[in-house]
Structures are given as structure tokens and as C-alpha cells.
Amino acid sequence: MDPVSFYKCLAEPTRLQCLLLIKQLGELCVCELTTATDVSQPKVSRHLAQLRECGLLHSSKRGQWVFYRLAHTVPDWATQVLGQTLAGNKAWLREPLARLKRMADRPSCCP
């Protein structure tokens, strides 16, 4: 992964937000990210597919749901950038995390 590709993948706010939420929480399913970002499922899925194509995410299917986590092949420098971005922008994730916390009855897809 080269730096230009990395930053191009993160240039869209929904992709960056999804990636940072996954970095913070470890693994999330599409339904959780749809709730957290307040973006439609097809749009979230499209952004996640782009992040997967960039080599930033790994997906695993469980039943009808797809779960995402950071790919183990993400270079150390990129992981450090994501960690610094996450640490310096907690306020930007406050509302998405609150929406996730308010999911009254978590769908059966979500652990």
C-alpha cells in the first residue's frame, strides 16, 4: 500500500468514519455501521467495499451479515496514522458512537 492510495481511500468522510469506528471497536457489522453513520445500508456497503479493495479492511460473512475489521496486512505506518487520527478526533466520533450505543435491540447480526 502506497501513501497516495491510502489517503485517497480516506478522503471520503463516511469511509474515514467507518474505518476509525472499526479501529476503535475492533469489528463491526454493516448494520452497526449503518446506525452509527446514519447512512443507508447500500452506501455504507459500497464504502466498505472500497476500503476492502484498498486493502484496509477484511470482511467475514456470518449468515446473511458481513463483519469488518482492519486487515492484518495494513502497514505499520498506516496503522499509526489511523491511531493518531482516532486519538486526535474523539469528538468527531462522539455522535456515531452514541447512536451505536442507543441501538435498543441490537439486530441478531451483531454480537
PDB file of N, CA and C in Angstrom:
ATOM      1  N   MET A   1       0.847  -1.176   0.000  1.00  0.00           N
ATOM      2  CA  MET A   1       0.000   0.000   0.000  1.00  0.00           C
ATOM      3  C   MET A   1       0.893   1.240   0.000  1.00  0.00           C
ATOM      4  N   ASP A   2       0.627   2.113  -0.944  1.00  0.00           N
ATOM      5  CA  ASP A   2       1.414   3.343  -1.001  1.00  0.00           C
ATOM      6  C   ASP A   2       0.615   4.480  -0.351  1.00  0.00           C
ATOM      7  N   PRO A   3       1.301   5.556   0.058  1.00  0.00           N
ATOM      8  CA  PRO A   3       0.621   6.640   0.765  1.00  0.00           C
ATOM      9  C   PRO A   3      -0.474   7.327  -0.056  1.00  0.00           C
ATOM     10  N   VAL A   4      -0.289   7.467  -1.348  1.00  0.00           N
ATOM     11  CA  VAL A   4      -1.298   8.134  -2.170  1.00  0.00           C
ATOM     12  C   VAL A   4      -2.599   7.330  -2.164  1.00  0.00           C
ATOM     13  N   SER A   5      -2.499   6.029  -2.366  1.00  0.00           N
ATOM     14  CA  SER A   5      -3.691   5.173  -2.342  1.00  0.00           C
ATOM     15  C   SER A   5      -4.361   5.204  -0.975  1.00  0.00           C
ATOM     16  N   PHE A   6      -3.559   5.148   0.064  1.00  0.00           N
ATOM     17  CA  PHE A   6      -4.072   5.177   1.432  1.00  0.00           C
ATOM     18  C   PHE A   6      -4.902   6.435   1.675  1.00  0.00           C
ATOM     19  N   TYR A   7      -4.323   7.591   1.365  1.00  0.00           N
ATOM     20  CA  TYR A   7      -5.025   8.841   1.629  1.00  0.00           C
ATOM     21  C   TYR A   7      -6.217   9.056   0.698  1.00  0.00           C
ATOM     22  N   LYS A   8      -6.142   8.564  -0.521  1.00  0.00           N
ATOM     23  CA  LYS A   8      -7.301   8.644  -1.416  1.00  0.00           C
ATOM     24  C   LYS A   8      -8.466   7.835  -0.852  1.00  0.00           C
ATOM     25  N   CYS A   9      -8.162   6.685  -0.281  1.00  0.00           N
ATOM     26  CA  CYS A   9      -9.217   5.853   0.316  1.00  0.00           C
ATOM     27  C   CYS A   9      -9.874   6.547   1.493  1.00  0.00           C
ATOM     28  N   LEU A  10      -9.129   7.362   2.206  1.00  0.00           N
ATOM     29  CA  LEU A  10      -9.654   8.019   3.396  1.00  0.00           C
ATOM     30  C   LEU A  10     -10.241   9.394   3.117  1.00  0.00           C
ATOM     31  N   ALA A  11     -10.208   9.835   1.854  1.00  0.00           N
ATOM     32  CA  ALA A  11     -10.628  11.192   1.517  1.00  0.00           C
ATOM     33  C   ALA A  11     -12.136  11.409   1.612  1.00  0.00           C
ATOM     34  N   GLU A  12     -12.906  10.360   1.718  1.00  0.00           N
ATOM     35  CA  GLU A  12     -14.362  10.478   1.807  1.00  0.00           C
ATOM     36  C   GLU A  12     -14.758  10.326   3.284  1.00  0.00           C
ATOM     37  N   PRO A  13     -15.540  11.271   3.839  1.00  0.00           N
ATOM     38  CA  PRO A  13     -15.842  11.255   5.279  1.00  0.00           C
ATOM     39  C   PRO A  13     -16.479   9.966   5.795  1.00  0.00           C
ATOM     40  N   THR A  14     -17.413   9.379   5.065  1.00  0.00           N
ATOM     41  CA  THR A  14     -18.051   8.152   5.553  1.00  0.00           C
ATOM     42  C   THR A  14     -17.049   7.011   5.626  1.00  0.00           C
ATOM     43  N   ARG A  15     -16.176   6.895   4.631  1.00  0.00           N
ATOM     44  CA  ARG A  15     -15.153   5.838   4.670  1.00  0.00           C
ATOM     45  C   ARG A  15     -14.228   6.030   5.859  1.00  0.00           C
ATOM     46  N   LEU A  16     -13.787   7.263   6.079  1.00  0.00           N
ATOM     47  CA  LEU A  16     -12.893   7.531   7.199  1.00  0.00           C
ATOM     48  C   LEU A  16     -13.590   7.239   8.522  1.00  0.00           C
ATOM     49  N   GLN A  17     -14.828   7.669   8.651  1.00  0.00           N
ATOM     50  CA  GLN A  17     -15.558   7.433   9.898  1.00  0.00           C
ATOM     51  C   GLN A  17     -15.744   5.939  10.165  1.00  0.00           C
ATOM     52  N   CYS A  18     -16.125   5.197   9.141  1.00  0.00           N
ATOM     53  CA  CYS A  18     -16.278   3.738   9.296  1.00  0.00           C
ATOM     54  C   CYS A  18     -14.964   3.101   9.719  1.00  0.00           C
ATOM     55  N   LEU A  19     -13.887   3.500   9.069  1.00  0.00           N
ATOM     56  CA  LEU A  19     -12.583   2.912   9.375  1.00  0.00           C
ATOM     57  C   LEU A  19     -12.152   3.227  10.805  1.00  0.00           C
ATOM     58  N   LEU A  20     -12.372   4.461  11.243  1.00  0.00           N
ATOM     59  CA  LEU A  20     -11.996   4.823  12.611  1.00  0.00           C
ATOM     60  C   LEU A  20     -12.871   4.121  13.643  1.00  0.00           C
ATOM     61  N   LEU A  21     -14.152   3.959  13.344  1.00  0.00           N
ATOM     62  CA  LEU A  21     -15.028   3.215  14.259  1.00  0.00           C
ATOM     63  C   LEU A  21     -14.568   1.765  14.375  1.00  0.00           C
ATOM     64  N   ILE A  22     -14.221   1.171  13.259  1.00  0.00           N
ATOM     65  CA  ILE A  22     -13.726  -0.210  13.279  1.00  0.00           C
ATOM     66  C   ILE A  22     -12.400  -0.288  14.025  1.00  0.00           C
ATOM     67  N   LYS A  23     -11.536   0.689  13.808  1.00  0.00           N
ATOM     68  CA  LYS A  23     -10.248   0.714  14.524  1.00  0.00           C
ATOM     69  C   LYS A  23     -10.493   0.781  16.023  1.00  0.00           C
ATOM     70  N   GLN A  24     -11.435   1.610  16.448  1.00  0.00           N
ATOM     71  CA  GLN A  24     -11.694   1.767  17.876  1.00  0.00           C
ATOM     72  C   GLN A  24     -12.381   0.550  18.486  1.00  0.00           C
ATOM     73  N   LEU A  25     -13.336  -0.035  17.771  1.00  0.00           N
ATOM     74  CA  LEU A  25     -14.155  -1.098  18.358  1.00  0.00           C
ATOM     75  C   LEU A  25     -13.737  -2.507  17.953  1.00  0.00           C
ATOM     76  N   GLY A  26     -12.819  -2.617  17.019  1.00  0.00           N
ATOM     77  CA  GLY A  26     -12.288  -3.925  16.643  1.00  0.00           C
ATOM     78  C   GLY A  26     -12.972  -4.570  15.465  1.00  0.00           C
ATOM     79  N   GLU A  27     -14.273  -4.705  15.529  1.00  0.00           N
ATOM     80  CA  GLU A  27     -15.029  -5.342  14.451  1.00  0.00           C
ATOM     81  C   GLU A  27     -16.470  -4.853  14.517  1.00  0.00           C
ATOM     82  N   LEU A  28     -17.014  -4.526  13.356  1.00  0.00           N
ATOM     83  CA  LEU A  28     -18.400  -4.076  13.280  1.00  0.00           C
ATOM     84  C   LEU A  28     -19.065  -4.677  12.062  1.00  0.00           C
ATOM     85  N   CYS A  29     -20.368  -4.891  12.171  1.00  0.00           N
ATOM     86  CA  CYS A  29     -21.115  -5.382  11.015  1.00  0.00           C
ATOM     87  C   CYS A  29     -21.727  -4.193  10.279  1.00  0.00           C
ATOM     88  N   VAL A  30     -22.201  -4.464   9.095  1.00  0.00           N
ATOM     89  CA  VAL A  30     -22.787  -3.420   8.260  1.00  0.00           C
ATOM     90  C   VAL A  30     -23.937  -2.725   8.988  1.00  0.00           C
ATOM     91  N   CYS A  31     -24.775  -3.497   9.681  1.00  0.00           N
ATOM     92  CA  CYS A  31     -25.921  -2.885  10.361  1.00  0.00           C
ATOM     93  C   CYS A  31     -25.464  -1.912  11.447  1.00  0.00           C
ATOM     94  N   GLU A  32     -24.391  -2.228  12.150  1.00  0.00           N
ATOM     95  CA  GLU A  32     -23.879  -1.321  13.174  1.00  0.00           C
ATOM     96  C   GLU A  32     -23.343  -0.039  12.538  1.00  0.00           C
ATOM     97  N   LEU A  33     -22.623  -0.193  11.436  1.00  0.00           N
ATOM     98  CA  LEU A  33     -22.066   0.982  10.769  1.00  0.00           C
ATOM     99  C   LEU A  33     -23.146   1.841  10.132  1.00  0.00           C
ATOM    100  N   THR A  34     -24.206   1.217   9.666  1.00  0.00           N
ATOM    101  CA  THR A  34     -25.337   1.965   9.116  1.00  0.00           C
ATOM    102  C   THR A  34     -25.969   2.827  10.209  1.00  0.00           C
ATOM    103  N   THR A  35     -26.152   2.254  11.383  1.00  0.00           N
ATOM    104  CA  THR A  35     -26.708   3.002  12.513  1.00  0.00           C
ATOM    105  C   THR A  35     -25.751   4.097  12.965  1.00  0.00           C
ATOM    106  N   ALA A  36     -24.496   3.759  13.131  1.00  0.00           N
ATOM    107  CA  ALA A  36     -23.511   4.715  13.642  1.00  0.00           C
ATOM    108  C   ALA A  36     -23.340   5.920  12.722  1.00  0.00           C
ATOM    109  N   THR A  37     -23.268   5.673  11.422  1.00  0.00           N
ATOM    110  CA  THR A  37     -23.013   6.763  10.471  1.00  0.00           C
ATOM    111  C   THR A  37     -24.281   7.465  10.016  1.00  0.00           C
ATOM    112  N   ASP A  38     -25.445   6.862  10.272  1.00  0.00           N
ATOM    113  CA  ASP A  38     -26.727   7.390   9.820  1.00  0.00           C
ATOM    114  C   ASP A  38     -26.743   7.536   8.291  1.00  0.00           C
ATOM    115  N   VAL A  39     -26.178   6.535   7.632  1.00  0.00           N
ATOM    116  CA  VAL A  39     -26.096   6.468   6.170  1.00  0.00           C
ATOM    117  C   VAL A  39     -26.782   5.170   5.755  1.00  0.00           C
ATOM    118  N   SER A  40     -27.403   5.171   4.593  1.00  0.00           N
ATOM    119  CA  SER A  40     -28.139   3.987   4.139  1.00  0.00           C
ATOM    120  C   SER A  40     -27.216   2.776   3.983  1.00  0.00           C
ATOM    121  N   GLN A  41     -27.809   1.603   4.131  1.00  0.00           N
ATOM    122  CA  GLN A  41     -27.037   0.358   4.035  1.00  0.00           C
ATOM    123  C   GLN A  41     -26.315   0.212   2.693  1.00  0.00           C
ATOM    124  N   PRO A  42     -26.963   0.496   1.554  1.00  0.00           N
ATOM    125  CA  PRO A  42     -26.230   0.354   0.292  1.00  0.00           C
ATOM    126  C   PRO A  42     -25.005   1.269   0.194  1.00  0.00           C
ATOM    127  N   LYS A  43     -25.132   2.493   0.715  1.00  0.00           N
ATOM    128  CA  LYS A  43     -23.994   3.422   0.677  1.00  0.00           C
ATOM    129  C   LYS A  43     -22.882   2.947   1.596  1.00  0.00           C
ATOM    130  N   VAL A  44     -23.240   2.518   2.799  1.00  0.00           N
ATOM    131  CA  VAL A  44     -22.227   2.015   3.731  1.00  0.00           C
ATOM    132  C   VAL A  44     -21.530   0.803   3.121  1.00  0.00           C
ATOM    133  N   SER A  45     -22.285  -0.111   2.561  1.00  0.00           N
ATOM    134  CA  SER A  45     -21.690  -1.305   1.947  1.00  0.00           C
ATOM    135  C   SER A  45     -20.748  -0.940   0.805  1.00  0.00           C
ATOM    136  N   ARG A  46     -21.122   0.054   0.016  1.00  0.00           N
ATOM    137  CA  ARG A  46     -20.259   0.494  -1.087  1.00  0.00           C
ATOM    138  C   ARG A  46     -18.950   1.068  -0.557  1.00  0.00           C
ATOM    139  N   HIS A  47     -19.041   1.893   0.494  1.00  0.00           N
ATOM    140  CA  HIS A  47     -17.824   2.462   1.083  1.00  0.00           C
ATOM    141  C   HIS A  47     -16.941   1.374   1.704  1.00  0.00           C
ATOM    142  N   LEU A  48     -17.557   0.410   2.356  1.00  0.00           N
ATOM    143  CA  LEU A  48     -16.787  -0.686   2.943  1.00  0.00           C
ATOM    144  C   LEU A  48     -16.111  -1.523   1.861  1.00  0.00           C
ATOM    145  N   ALA A  49     -16.784  -1.726   0.757  1.00  0.00           N
ATOM    146  CA  ALA A  49     -16.181  -2.462  -0.358  1.00  0.00           C
ATOM    147  C   ALA A  49     -14.967  -1.715  -0.891  1.00  0.00           C
ATOM    148  N   GLN A  50     -15.050  -0.396  -0.950  1.00  0.00           N
ATOM    149  CA  GLN A  50     -13.911   0.394  -1.416  1.00  0.00           C
ATOM    150  C   GLN A  50     -12.744   0.287  -0.436  1.00  0.00           C
ATOM    151  N   LEU A  51     -13.036   0.319   0.852  1.00  0.00           N
ATOM    152  CA  LEU A  51     -11.978   0.169   1.852  1.00  0.00           C
ATOM    153  C   LEU A  51     -11.347  -1.224   1.783  1.00  0.00           C
ATOM    154  N   ARG A  52     -12.152  -2.214   1.478  1.00  0.00           N
ATOM    155  CA  ARG A  52     -11.632  -3.580   1.320  1.00  0.00           C
ATOM    156  C   ARG A  52     -10.741  -3.650   0.082  1.00  0.00           C
ATOM    157  N   GLU A  53     -11.181  -3.026  -1.008  1.00  0.00           N
ATOM    158  CA  GLU A  53     -10.380  -3.004  -2.235  1.00  0.00           C
ATOM    159  C   GLU A  53      -9.046  -2.282  -2.030  1.00  0.00           C
ATOM    160  N   CYS A  54      -9.037  -1.295  -1.157  1.00  0.00           N
ATOM    161  CA  CYS A  54      -7.806  -0.563  -0.844  1.00  0.00           C
ATOM    162  C   CYS A  54      -6.861  -1.393   0.030  1.00  0.00           C
ATOM    163  N   GLY A  55      -7.354  -2.495   0.564  1.00  0.00           N
ATOM    164  CA  GLY A  55      -6.541  -3.336   1.432  1.00  0.00           C
ATOM    165  C   GLY A  55      -6.571  -2.935   2.888  1.00  0.00           C
ATOM    166  N   LEU A  56      -7.528  -2.079   3.258  1.00  0.00           N
ATOM    167  CA  LEU A  56      -7.599  -1.611   4.640  1.00  0.00           C
ATOM    168  C   LEU A  56      -8.501  -2.462   5.526  1.00  0.00           C
ATOM    169  N   LEU A  57      -9.463  -3.134   4.938  1.00  0.00           N
ATOM    170  CA  LEU A  57     -10.404  -3.941   5.710  1.00  0.00           C
ATOM    171  C   LEU A  57     -10.421  -5.389   5.243  1.00  0.00           C
ATOM    172  N   HIS A  58     -10.755  -6.241   6.184  1.00  0.00           N
ATOM    173  CA  HIS A  58     -11.012  -7.657   5.902  1.00  0.00           C
ATOM    174  C   HIS A  58     -12.462  -7.895   6.285  1.00  0.00           C
ATOM    175  N   SER A  59     -13.170  -8.663   5.483  1.00  0.00           N
ATOM    176  CA  SER A  59     -14.566  -8.957   5.789  1.00  0.00           C
ATOM    177  C   SER A  59     -14.750 -10.447   6.002  1.00  0.00           C
ATOM    178  N   SER A  60     -15.735 -10.775   6.816  1.00  0.00           N
ATOM    179  CA  SER A  60     -16.113 -12.176   7.003  1.00  0.00           C
ATOM    180  C   SER A  60     -17.632 -12.236   7.080  1.00  0.00           C
ATOM    181  N   LYS A  61     -18.176 -13.199   6.381  1.00  0.00           N
ATOM    182  CA  LYS A  61     -19.633 -13.341   6.325  1.00  0.00           C
ATOM    183  C   LYS A  61     -20.081 -14.331   7.389  1.00  0.00           C
ATOM    184  N   ARG A  62     -21.114 -13.938   8.117  1.00  0.00           N
ATOM    185  CA  ARG A  62     -21.730 -14.810   9.118  1.00  0.00           C
ATOM    186  C   ARG A  62     -23.228 -14.777   8.870  1.00  0.00           C
ATOM    187  N   GLY A  63     -23.717 -15.853   8.314  1.00  0.00           N
ATOM    188  CA  GLY A  63     -25.118 -15.872   7.922  1.00  0.00           C
ATOM    189  C   GLY A  63     -25.323 -14.883   6.795  1.00  0.00           C
ATOM    190  N   GLN A  64     -26.297 -13.999   6.959  1.00  0.00           N
ATOM    191  CA  GLN A  64     -26.563 -13.004   5.917  1.00  0.00           C
ATOM    192  C   GLN A  64     -25.788 -11.710   6.139  1.00  0.00           C
ATOM    193  N   TRP A  65     -25.026 -11.609   7.228  1.00  0.00           N
ATOM    194  CA  TRP A  65     -24.350 -10.376   7.589  1.00  0.00           C
ATOM    195  C   TRP A  65     -22.859 -10.451   7.309  1.00  0.00           C
ATOM    196  N   VAL A  66     -22.285  -9.295   7.036  1.00  0.00           N
ATOM    197  CA  VAL A  66     -20.852  -9.189   6.787  1.00  0.00           C
ATOM    198  C   VAL A  66     -20.245  -8.316   7.880  1.00  0.00           C
ATOM    199  N   PHE A  67     -19.193  -8.817   8.492  1.00  0.00           N
ATOM    200  CA  PHE A  67     -18.478  -8.100   9.544  1.00  0.00           C
ATOM    201  C   PHE A  67     -17.129  -7.633   9.001  1.00  0.00           C
ATOM    202  N   TYR A  68     -16.687  -6.477   9.485  1.00  0.00           N
ATOM    203  CA  TYR A  68     -15.445  -5.872   9.001  1.00  0.00           C
ATOM    204  C   TYR A  68     -14.502  -5.600  10.156  1.00  0.00           C
ATOM    205  N   ARG A  69     -13.219  -5.788   9.862  1.00  0.00           N
ATOM    206  CA  ARG A  69     -12.147  -5.434  10.801  1.00  0.00           C
ATOM    207  C   ARG A  69     -10.947  -4.986   9.975  1.00  0.00           C
ATOM    208  N   LEU A  70      -9.999  -4.338  10.631  1.00  0.00           N
ATOM    209  CA  LEU A  70      -8.798  -3.907   9.913  1.00  0.00           C
ATOM    210  C   LEU A  70      -8.070  -5.125   9.372  1.00  0.00           C
ATOM    211  N   ALA A  71      -7.576  -5.009   8.158  1.00  0.00           N
ATOM    212  CA  ALA A  71      -6.816  -6.105   7.559  1.00  0.00           C
ATOM    213  C   ALA A  71      -5.481  -6.245   8.280  1.00  0.00           C
ATOM    214  N   HIS A  72      -5.046  -7.469   8.463  1.00  0.00           N
ATOM    215  CA  HIS A  72      -3.765  -7.696   9.142  1.00  0.00           C
ATOM    216  C   HIS A  72      -2.590  -7.268   8.260  1.00  0.00           C
ATOM    217  N   THR A  73      -2.840  -6.991   7.009  1.00  0.00           N
ATOM    218  CA  THR A  73      -1.778  -6.582   6.080  1.00  0.00           C
ATOM    219  C   THR A  73      -1.587  -5.059   6.020  1.00  0.00           C
ATOM    220  N   VAL A  74      -2.355  -4.313   6.808  1.00  0.00           N
ATOM    221  CA  VAL A  74      -2.188  -2.853   6.820  1.00  0.00           C
ATOM    222  C   VAL A  74      -0.793  -2.550   7.359  1.00  0.00           C
ATOM    223  N   PRO A  75       0.001  -1.770   6.631  1.00  0.00           N
ATOM    224  CA  PRO A  75       1.366  -1.460   7.082  1.00  0.00           C
ATOM    225  C   PRO A  75       1.368  -0.722   8.420  1.00  0.00           C
ATOM    226  N   ASP A  76       2.456  -0.887   9.150  1.00  0.00           N
ATOM    227  CA  ASP A  76       2.586  -0.241  10.464  1.00  0.00           C
ATOM    228  C   ASP A  76       2.401   1.263  10.383  1.00  0.00           C
ATOM    229  N   TRP A  77       2.983   1.899   9.368  1.00  0.00           N
ATOM    230  CA  TRP A  77       2.868   3.356   9.265  1.00  0.00           C
ATOM    231  C   TRP A  77       1.404   3.770   9.111  1.00  0.00           C
ATOM    232  N   ALA A  78       0.616   2.990   8.358  1.00  0.00           N
ATOM    233  CA  ALA A  78      -0.799   3.315   8.153  1.00  0.00           C
ATOM    234  C   ALA A  78      -1.591   3.091   9.443  1.00  0.00           C
ATOM    235  N   THR A  79      -1.268   2.039  10.168  1.00  0.00           N
ATOM    236  CA  THR A  79      -1.921   1.769  11.447  1.00  0.00           C
ATOM    237  C   THR A  79      -1.631   2.899  12.438  1.00  0.00           C
ATOM    238  N   GLN A  80      -0.400   3.396  12.420  1.00  0.00           N
ATOM    239  CA  GLN A  80      -0.035   4.515  13.297  1.00  0.00           C
ATOM    240  C   GLN A  80      -0.795   5.787  12.925  1.00  0.00           C
ATOM    241  N   VAL A  81      -0.935   6.048  11.628  1.00  0.00           N
ATOM    242  CA  VAL A  81      -1.702   7.215  11.174  1.00  0.00           C
ATOM    243  C   VAL A  81      -3.149   7.105  11.646  1.00  0.00           C
ATOM    244  N   LEU A  82      -3.738   5.924  11.494  1.00  0.00           N
ATOM    245  CA  LEU A  82      -5.118   5.728  11.938  1.00  0.00           C
ATOM    246  C   LEU A  82      -5.244   5.905  13.449  1.00  0.00           C
ATOM    247  N   GLY A  83      -4.280   5.384  14.190  1.00  0.00           N
ATOM    248  CA  GLY A  83      -4.289   5.540  15.649  1.00  0.00           C
ATOM    249  C   GLY A  83      -4.194   6.993  16.067  1.00  0.00           C
ATOM    250  N   GLN A  84      -3.327   7.750  15.418  1.00  0.00           N
ATOM    251  CA  GLN A  84      -3.182   9.178  15.721  1.00  0.00           C
ATOM    252  C   GLN A  84      -4.443   9.947  15.337  1.00  0.00           C
ATOM    253  N   THR A  85      -5.022   9.594  14.202  1.00  0.00           N
ATOM    254  CA  THR A  85      -6.253  10.252  13.757  1.00  0.00           C
ATOM    255  C   THR A  85      -7.382   9.978  14.736  1.00  0.00           C
ATOM    256  N   LEU A  86      -7.484   8.749  15.182  1.00  0.00           N
ATOM    257  CA  LEU A  86      -8.504   8.372  16.157  1.00  0.00           C
ATOM    258  C   LEU A  86      -8.293   9.121  17.472  1.00  0.00           C
ATOM    259  N   ALA A  87      -7.060   9.132  17.964  1.00  0.00           N
ATOM    260  CA  ALA A  87      -6.754   9.782  19.242  1.00  0.00           C
ATOM    261  C   ALA A  87      -7.026  11.282  19.194  1.00  0.00           C
ATOM    262  N   GLY A  88      -6.783  11.905  18.064  1.00  0.00           N
ATOM    263  CA  GLY A  88      -6.932  13.348  17.960  1.00  0.00           C
ATOM    264  C   GLY A  88      -8.315  13.820  17.540  1.00  0.00           C
ATOM    265  N   ASN A  89      -9.234  12.895  17.301  1.00  0.00           N
ATOM    266  CA  ASN A  89     -10.548  13.286  16.779  1.00  0.00           C
ATOM    267  C   ASN A  89     -11.699  12.573  17.469  1.00  0.00           C
ATOM    268  N   LYS A  90     -11.595  12.387  18.762  1.00  0.00           N
ATOM    269  CA  LYS A  90     -12.647  11.698  19.526  1.00  0.00           C
ATOM    270  C   LYS A  90     -14.000  12.411  19.392  1.00  0.00           C
ATOM    271  N   ALA A  91     -14.002  13.731  19.340  1.00  0.00           N
ATOM    272  CA  ALA A  91     -15.251  14.478  19.248  1.00  0.00           C
ATOM    273  C   ALA A  91     -15.988  14.168  17.941  1.00  0.00           C
ATOM    274  N   TRP A  92     -15.245  13.931  16.865  1.00  0.00           N
ATOM    275  CA  TRP A  92     -15.852  13.643  15.571  1.00  0.00           C
ATOM    276  C   TRP A  92     -16.613  12.313  15.597  1.00  0.00           C
ATOM    277  N   LEU A  93     -16.194  11.407  16.477  1.00  0.00           N
ATOM    278  CA  LEU A  93     -16.842  10.099  16.574  1.00  0.00           C
ATOM    279  C   LEU A  93     -17.866  10.028  17.704  1.00  0.00           C
ATOM    280  N   ARG A  94     -18.001  11.088  18.468  1.00  0.00           N
ATOM    281  CA  ARG A  94     -18.889  11.060  19.639  1.00  0.00           C
ATOM    282  C   ARG A  94     -20.327  10.703  19.258  1.00  0.00           C
ATOM    283  N   GLU A  95     -20.897  11.382  18.266  1.00  0.00           N
ATOM    284  CA  GLU A  95     -22.291  11.113  17.886  1.00  0.00           C
ATOM    285  C   GLU A  95     -22.455   9.732  17.251  1.00  0.00           C
ATOM    286  N   PRO A  96     -21.580   9.306  16.330  1.00  0.00           N
ATOM    287  CA  PRO A  96     -21.719   7.941  15.806  1.00  0.00           C
ATOM    288  C   PRO A  96     -21.652   6.880  16.908  1.00  0.00           C
ATOM    289  N   LEU A  97     -20.766   7.058  17.872  1.00  0.00           N
ATOM    290  CA  LEU A  97     -20.675   6.100  18.977  1.00  0.00           C
ATOM    291  C   LEU A  97     -21.929   6.148  19.842  1.00  0.00           C
ATOM    292  N   ALA A  98     -22.496   7.330  20.038  1.00  0.00           N
ATOM    293  CA  ALA A  98     -23.730   7.455  20.816  1.00  0.00           C
ATOM    294  C   ALA A  98     -24.885   6.766  20.093  1.00  0.00           C
ATOM    295  N   ARG A  99     -24.972   6.934  18.764  1.00  0.00           N
ATOM    296  CA  ARG A  99     -26.031   6.250  18.005  1.00  0.00           C
ATOM    297  C   ARG A  99     -25.880   4.739  18.127  1.00  0.00           C
ATOM    298  N   LEU A 100     -24.658   4.273  18.077  1.00  0.00           N
ATOM    299  CA  LEU A 100     -24.399   2.840  18.209  1.00  0.00           C
ATOM    300  C   LEU A 100     -24.826   2.350  19.593  1.00  0.00           C
ATOM    301  N   LYS A 101     -24.521   3.124  20.601  1.00  0.00           N
ATOM    302  CA  LYS A 101     -24.884   2.760  21.975  1.00  0.00           C
ATOM    303  C   LYS A 101     -26.401   2.739  22.169  1.00  0.00           C
ATOM    304  N   ARG A 102     -27.113   3.602  21.428  1.00  0.00           N
ATOM    305  CA  ARG A 102     -28.570   3.692  21.567  1.00  0.00           C
ATOM    306  C   ARG A 102     -29.316   2.618  20.789  1.00  0.00           C
ATOM    307  N   MET A 103     -28.622   1.764  20.070  1.00  0.00           N
ATOM    308  CA  MET A 103     -29.307   0.680  19.353  1.00  0.00           C
ATOM    309  C   MET A 103     -30.019  -0.166  20.400  1.00  0.00           C
ATOM    310  N   ALA A 104     -31.311   0.067  20.554  1.00  0.00           N
ATOM    311  CA  ALA A 104     -32.093  -0.565  21.622  1.00  0.00           C
ATOM    312  C   ALA A 104     -32.000  -2.083  21.578  1.00  0.00           C
ATOM    313  N   ASP A 105     -32.475  -2.660  20.523  1.00  0.00           N
ATOM    314  CA  ASP A 105     -32.396  -4.115  20.345  1.00  0.00           C
ATOM    315  C   ASP A 105     -31.403  -4.365  19.227  1.00  0.00           C
ATOM    316  N   ARG A 106     -30.191  -4.681  19.608  1.00  0.00           N
ATOM    317  CA  ARG A 106     -29.197  -4.927  18.572  1.00  0.00           C
ATOM    318  C   ARG A 106     -29.684  -6.048  17.693  1.00  0.00           C
ATOM    319  N   PRO A 107     -29.622  -5.849  16.396  1.00  0.00           N
ATOM    320  CA  PRO A 107     -30.037  -6.922  15.487  1.00  0.00           C
ATOM    321  C   PRO A 107     -29.249  -8.192  15.767  1.00  0.00           C
ATOM    322  N   SER A 108     -29.831  -9.320  15.414  1.00  0.00           N
ATOM    323  CA  SER A 108     -29.189 -10.602  15.700  1.00  0.00           C
ATOM    324  C   SER A 108     -27.854 -10.748  14.981  1.00  0.00           C
ATOM    325  N   CYS A 109     -27.591  -9.857  14.032  1.00  0.00           N
ATOM    326  CA  CYS A 109     -26.311  -9.935  13.319  1.00  0.00           C
ATOM    327  C   CYS A 109     -25.162  -9.485  14.188  1.00  0.00           C
ATOM    328  N   CYS A 110     -25.477  -8.707  15.229  1.00  0.00           N
ATOM    329  CA  CYS A 110     -24.424  -8.028  15.983  1.00  0.00           C
ATOM    330  C   CYS A 110     -24.179  -8.706  17.324  1.00  0.00           C
ATOM    331  N   PRO A 111     -22.916  -8.982  17.616  1.00  0.00           N
ATOM    332  CA  PRO A 111     -22.604  -9.642  18.892  1.00  0.00           C
ATOM    333  C   PRO A 111     -22.867  -8.752  20.091  1.00  0.00           C
TER     334      PRO A 111
END
